Protein backbone atom coordinates (compact mmCIF):
# COMPACT_ATOMS: atom_id res chain seq x y z
CA MET A 1 -0.31 0.01 0.09
CA ARG A 2 1.27 3.54 -0.90
CA VAL A 3 -0.41 6.58 0.93
CA THR A 4 0.30 10.06 -0.49
CA GLN A 5 -1.24 13.50 1.44
CA VAL A 6 -2.81 15.42 -1.30
CA ASP A 7 -4.81 19.17 -1.48
CA GLU A 8 -8.27 18.18 -1.60
CA ARG A 9 -8.58 21.35 -3.94
CA THR A 10 -7.61 19.57 -6.84
CA CYS A 11 -10.96 17.46 -6.90
CA GLU A 12 -13.07 18.40 -10.15
CA HIS A 13 -15.94 16.36 -9.41
CA GLU A 14 -17.57 14.57 -6.85
CA MET A 15 -20.59 11.69 -6.87
CA ASN A 16 -22.46 10.09 -4.04
CA ALA A 17 -23.11 6.21 -5.26
CA ASP A 18 -26.99 5.63 -5.72
CA GLY A 19 -26.39 2.13 -3.86
CA TYR A 20 -24.20 -0.76 -4.84
CA ARG A 21 -23.94 -3.92 -7.36
CA VAL A 22 -22.73 -7.06 -6.36
CA ALA A 23 -21.51 -9.97 -8.77
CA VAL A 24 -21.57 -13.16 -7.20
CA VAL A 25 -19.42 -15.22 -9.22
CA TYR A 26 -19.40 -19.25 -9.34
CA PRO A 27 -17.33 -21.85 -10.86
CA GLY A 28 -18.06 -22.10 -14.57
CA ARG A 29 -17.82 -18.50 -15.13
CA ARG A 30 -21.59 -18.27 -13.92
CA VAL A 31 -22.20 -14.73 -12.52
CA ALA A 32 -25.75 -13.59 -10.54
CA THR A 33 -25.94 -9.96 -10.18
CA PHE A 34 -27.54 -7.82 -7.59
CA ASP A 35 -28.38 -4.39 -6.80
CA VAL A 36 -28.00 -3.60 -2.56
CA ASP A 37 -29.60 -0.46 -1.73
CA GLU A 38 -30.17 1.64 1.73
CA CYS A 39 -27.03 0.40 3.61
CA SER A 40 -23.48 1.35 4.02
CA THR A 41 -20.42 0.21 2.00
CA GLN A 42 -19.80 -2.26 4.89
CA GLU A 43 -23.08 -3.56 5.12
CA ALA A 44 -23.26 -4.30 1.05
CA ARG A 45 -19.62 -5.63 1.55
CA ALA A 46 -20.65 -8.34 4.67
CA TRP A 47 -23.87 -9.21 2.24
CA ALA A 48 -21.45 -9.74 -0.79
CA GLU A 49 -19.11 -11.80 1.52
CA ALA A 50 -21.39 -14.16 2.68
CA ARG A 51 -22.71 -14.64 -0.75
CA GLY A 52 -19.06 -14.86 -2.46
CA ASP A 53 -18.45 -17.45 0.33
CA GLU A 54 -21.30 -20.18 -0.67
CA ALA A 55 -20.31 -19.39 -4.50
CA GLY A 56 -16.78 -18.94 -4.82
CA GLY A 57 -16.38 -15.13 -4.85
CA PHE A 58 -17.87 -11.74 -5.35
CA SER A 59 -17.16 -8.11 -7.00
CA LEU A 60 -18.72 -5.00 -5.36
CA ALA A 61 -19.23 -1.88 -7.29
CA ALA A 62 -20.33 1.82 -6.39
CA ARG A 63 -23.38 2.22 -8.76
CA PHE A 64 -24.35 5.61 -9.83
CA ASP A 65 -28.07 5.51 -11.59
CA HIS A 66 -27.90 8.62 -13.20
CA VAL A 67 -26.75 7.85 -16.49
CA PRO A 68 -29.01 8.57 -19.62
CA LYS A 69 -31.49 6.13 -20.83
CA GLY A 70 -31.24 3.73 -17.89
CA GLY A 71 -28.22 2.84 -17.76
CA VAL A 72 -25.56 2.76 -15.01
CA THR A 73 -22.10 3.71 -13.86
CA LEU A 74 -20.08 1.06 -11.98
CA MET A 75 -16.82 1.73 -9.93
CA TRP A 76 -15.35 -1.28 -9.12
CA LEU A 77 -14.37 -1.46 -5.16
CA THR A 78 -13.20 -5.08 -5.27
CA PRO A 79 -11.54 -6.81 -8.36
CA PRO A 80 -14.20 -6.87 -11.29
CA PRO A 81 -16.09 -9.96 -11.90
CA GLU A 82 -13.17 -10.93 -14.80
CA ASP A 83 -10.77 -11.32 -12.19
CA VAL A 84 -12.83 -13.40 -9.79
CA MET A 85 -13.37 -15.65 -12.61
CA GLU A 86 -9.85 -16.46 -13.53
CA ALA A 87 -9.19 -16.81 -10.00
CA LEU A 88 -11.56 -19.61 -9.46
CA ASP A 89 -10.37 -21.15 -13.08
CA ALA A 90 -6.97 -21.42 -11.79
């Protein structure tokens, strides 16, 4: 881990997540995806970890719903599903 002190004034844009998206990854590259709302990041991660322990792994993303045409933007907070799939395949 590398930590560097920064000037907070360099931030040009801030957004609050609308919720979280969890991808539960199963062996055989199968994925079940869930939106998790009305919770803290820690609660969303705990929910994801519980499901991932049963399945094989999980990915957790912050979800931003304000994209035009009903889409979402995801920012992965853990390795994305493809990385989890590769680890399960190894």
